[in-house]
Amino acid sequence: MAVDDNRGESAVKLSQLAVGSKAIVRALPPQGSAALRLREMGVLPGVSITLVRAAPFGDPIEIQVRGYNLTLRKSEAEHVMVEISKAET
């Protein structure tokens, strides 16, 4: 399910990005251990990320955020909403 922001663009789940895609984080889960872990590691709304690679069956995925690479479970990435960066494609 896509979420429209105030500019009319839609947000998708981080788990749905293609390898090499650049995106801006728009929303995180409001609570839970995964949400806390993501925030502690710098994944915050407004931050730019790049999907570096995914394991053969799509789990886990590796993203680049704030100059370092972070590996996430697909179940964690399901709850992160991002906006695909149009300028970087």
Protein backbone atom coordinates (compact mmCIF):
# COMPACT_ATOMS: atom_id res chain seq x y z
CA MET A 1 0.00 0.00 0.00
CA ALA A 2 1.49 3.34 -1.04
CA VAL A 3 1.26 6.40 1.16
CA ASP A 4 0.96 9.85 -0.42
CA ASP A 5 2.92 12.69 1.12
CA ASN A 6 2.11 16.35 0.68
CA ARG A 7 3.89 16.57 -2.69
CA GLY A 8 1.77 13.85 -4.26
CA GLU A 9 4.60 11.32 -4.40
CA SER A 10 4.15 7.85 -2.97
CA ALA A 11 6.12 5.96 -0.39
CA VAL A 12 6.94 2.26 -0.69
CA LYS A 13 8.33 -0.29 1.72
CA LEU A 14 12.12 -0.46 1.94
CA SER A 15 11.83 -4.20 1.29
CA GLN A 16 10.35 -3.44 -2.16
CA LEU A 17 13.29 -1.40 -3.49
CA ALA A 18 15.43 -2.74 -6.31
CA VAL A 19 19.17 -3.16 -5.82
CA GLY A 20 20.94 0.12 -6.57
CA SER A 21 17.89 2.26 -5.84
CA LYS A 22 18.32 5.44 -3.83
CA ALA A 23 15.55 6.61 -1.54
CA ILE A 24 14.67 8.94 1.32
CA VAL A 25 13.31 7.48 4.55
CA ARG A 26 9.79 8.81 5.16
CA ALA A 27 8.40 6.76 8.08
CA LEU A 28 9.54 4.22 10.66
CA PRO A 29 7.55 1.95 12.95
CA PRO A 30 6.39 3.99 15.95
CA GLN A 31 7.61 1.48 18.54
CA GLY A 32 9.31 -1.85 19.10
CA SER A 33 12.84 -3.15 19.30
CA ALA A 34 13.36 -2.97 15.53
CA ALA A 35 12.29 0.68 15.48
CA LEU A 36 14.67 1.52 18.31
CA ARG A 37 17.55 -0.33 16.58
CA LEU A 38 16.95 1.52 13.31
CA ARG A 39 16.89 4.91 15.03
CA GLU A 40 20.06 4.15 16.99
CA MET A 41 21.84 3.29 13.75
CA GLY A 42 20.86 6.54 12.04
CA VAL A 43 17.91 5.42 9.95
CA LEU A 44 15.65 8.41 10.53
CA PRO A 45 13.00 10.21 8.45
CA GLY A 46 14.65 12.45 5.85
CA VAL A 47 17.86 10.40 5.63
CA SER A 48 19.05 9.22 2.21
CA ILE A 49 19.71 5.49 1.74
CA THR A 50 20.84 3.20 -1.08
CA LEU A 51 19.97 -0.48 -1.40
CA VAL A 52 23.40 -2.04 -1.95
CA ARG A 53 22.49 -5.72 -2.29
CA ALA A 54 20.10 -8.45 -1.24
CA ALA A 55 20.75 -12.08 -0.39
CA PRO A 56 19.68 -14.64 -3.03
CA PHE A 57 16.21 -15.08 -1.53
CA GLY A 58 15.89 -11.39 -0.60
CA ASP A 59 16.69 -11.75 3.11
CA PRO A 60 18.69 -10.02 4.50
CA ILE A 61 19.24 -6.78 2.59
CA GLU A 62 22.16 -4.37 2.84
CA ILE A 63 21.64 -0.62 2.72
CA GLN A 64 24.09 2.26 2.76
CA VAL A 65 23.10 4.97 5.22
CA ARG A 66 25.15 7.92 6.52
CA GLY A 67 28.37 6.57 4.98
CA TYR A 68 28.26 3.00 6.28
CA ASN A 69 26.59 -0.26 5.29
CA LEU A 70 23.82 -1.75 7.43
CA THR A 71 22.28 -5.19 7.05
CA LEU A 72 18.58 -5.52 7.84
CA ARG A 73 16.18 -8.42 7.99
CA LYS A 74 13.43 -8.24 5.42
CA SER A 75 10.91 -8.27 8.28
CA GLU A 76 12.50 -5.03 9.61
CA ALA A 77 12.59 -3.44 6.14
CA GLU A 78 8.86 -4.17 5.70
CA HIS A 79 8.04 -1.46 8.24
CA VAL A 80 10.27 1.30 6.84
CA MET A 81 8.53 3.53 4.32
CA VAL A 82 10.76 5.28 1.77
CA GLU A 83 10.32 7.61 -1.18
CA ILE A 84 12.33 6.62 -4.24
CA SER A 85 14.73 9.38 -5.18
CA LYS A 86 13.86 10.64 -8.67
CA ALA A 87 16.93 12.86 -9.07
CA GLU A 88 19.35 10.01 -8.47
CA THR A 89 17.99 7.54 -11.05
